[in-house]
Amino acid sequence: MATTVGQQMAVAIAPKFTAAASAISSTTTIFLITCRSSEKRTYHRLVLGMSMCDLSASAAWFFTTWPIPRGTPGVYGAMGNQQT
């Protein structure tokens, strides 16, 4: 069953909003823990590590369709080439 252009757009664009929100939240958490927190307990180090992992995962989700080679059928927003 083929997908419509509207469905392809939704699948390509929706993760960018949620990934951006997650990246902003993770960056804020990292900033607050590293710069503002006077106590560095194990809890803070664990949350810092989780926020760093979430930041990298958010970046990966944000770039979901961009590395796919341009002209790939059924993929909206593909901008890559054969080397990516």
Protein backbone atom coordinates (compact mmCIF):
# COMPACT_ATOMS: atom_id res chain seq x y z
CA MET A 1 0.00 0.00 0.00
CA ALA A 2 1.51 3.30 -1.11
CA THR A 3 1.58 6.29 1.17
CA THR A 4 0.29 9.68 0.14
CA VAL A 5 2.47 12.79 -0.04
CA GLY A 6 0.69 14.17 3.02
CA GLN A 7 1.52 11.05 5.03
CA GLN A 8 5.15 11.21 3.88
CA MET A 9 5.36 14.85 4.92
CA ALA A 10 3.87 14.10 8.34
CA VAL A 11 6.29 11.24 8.95
CA ALA A 12 9.25 13.41 7.87
CA ILE A 13 8.33 16.65 9.65
CA ALA A 14 6.75 15.53 12.95
CA PRO A 15 9.98 14.12 14.47
CA LYS A 16 11.73 17.43 13.89
CA PHE A 17 9.41 19.28 16.29
CA THR A 18 9.58 16.67 19.02
CA ALA A 19 13.34 16.23 18.62
CA ALA A 20 13.90 19.99 18.82
CA ALA A 21 11.83 20.23 22.00
CA SER A 22 13.73 17.31 23.51
CA ALA A 23 17.10 18.81 22.55
CA ILE A 24 16.19 22.17 24.10
CA SER A 25 15.07 20.46 27.31
CA SER A 26 18.20 18.30 27.48
CA THR A 27 20.45 21.30 26.85
CA THR A 28 18.70 23.24 29.60
CA THR A 29 19.09 20.32 32.01
CA ILE A 30 22.79 19.96 31.16
CA PHE A 31 23.32 23.69 31.67
CA LEU A 32 21.51 23.73 35.01
CA ILE A 33 23.43 20.75 36.35
CA THR A 34 26.87 21.88 35.20
CA CYS A 35 26.63 25.60 35.91
CA ARG A 36 24.04 26.15 38.58
CA SER A 37 24.08 23.10 40.80
CA SER A 38 26.23 23.59 43.90
CA GLU A 39 26.00 19.96 44.96
CA LYS A 40 27.23 17.22 42.64
CA ARG A 41 25.58 14.10 43.96
CA THR A 42 25.29 10.77 42.20
CA TYR A 43 21.73 11.71 41.24
CA HIS A 44 22.95 14.81 39.39
CA ARG A 45 25.64 12.86 37.55
CA LEU A 46 23.10 10.24 36.46
CA VAL A 47 20.67 12.88 35.20
CA LEU A 48 23.55 14.63 33.43
CA GLY A 49 24.50 11.39 31.65
CA MET A 50 20.90 10.69 30.65
CA SER A 51 20.53 14.24 29.32
CA MET A 52 23.69 13.90 27.25
CA CYS A 53 22.45 10.63 25.75
CA ASP A 54 19.05 12.18 25.09
CA LEU A 55 20.68 15.14 23.37
CA SER A 56 22.53 12.86 20.94
CA ALA A 57 19.39 10.79 20.32
CA SER A 58 17.39 13.98 19.68
CA ALA A 59 19.95 15.10 17.12
CA ALA A 60 19.67 11.73 15.37
CA TRP A 61 15.86 11.95 15.29
CA PHE A 62 16.02 15.52 13.97
CA PHE A 63 18.10 14.43 10.98
CA THR A 64 16.02 11.31 10.19
CA THR A 65 15.23 11.92 6.51
CA TRP A 66 18.02 14.32 5.54
CA PRO A 67 20.82 11.73 4.96
CA ILE A 68 18.61 9.55 2.72
CA PRO A 69 19.66 9.96 -0.95
CA ARG A 70 17.68 12.54 -2.91
CA GLY A 71 15.07 10.99 -5.18
CA THR A 72 14.42 7.91 -3.04
CA PRO A 73 10.81 6.93 -3.75
CA GLY A 74 8.40 7.29 -0.85
CA VAL A 75 10.66 9.55 1.26
CA TYR A 76 9.75 13.21 1.65
CA GLY A 77 12.62 15.54 2.58
CA ALA A 78 15.48 13.30 1.44
CA MET A 79 18.48 15.54 0.75
CA GLY A 80 21.47 13.21 0.90
CA ASN A 81 23.61 11.63 -1.75
CA GLN A 82 25.09 8.17 -2.26
CA GLN A 83 28.04 8.94 0.06
CA THR A 84 25.81 9.66 3.05
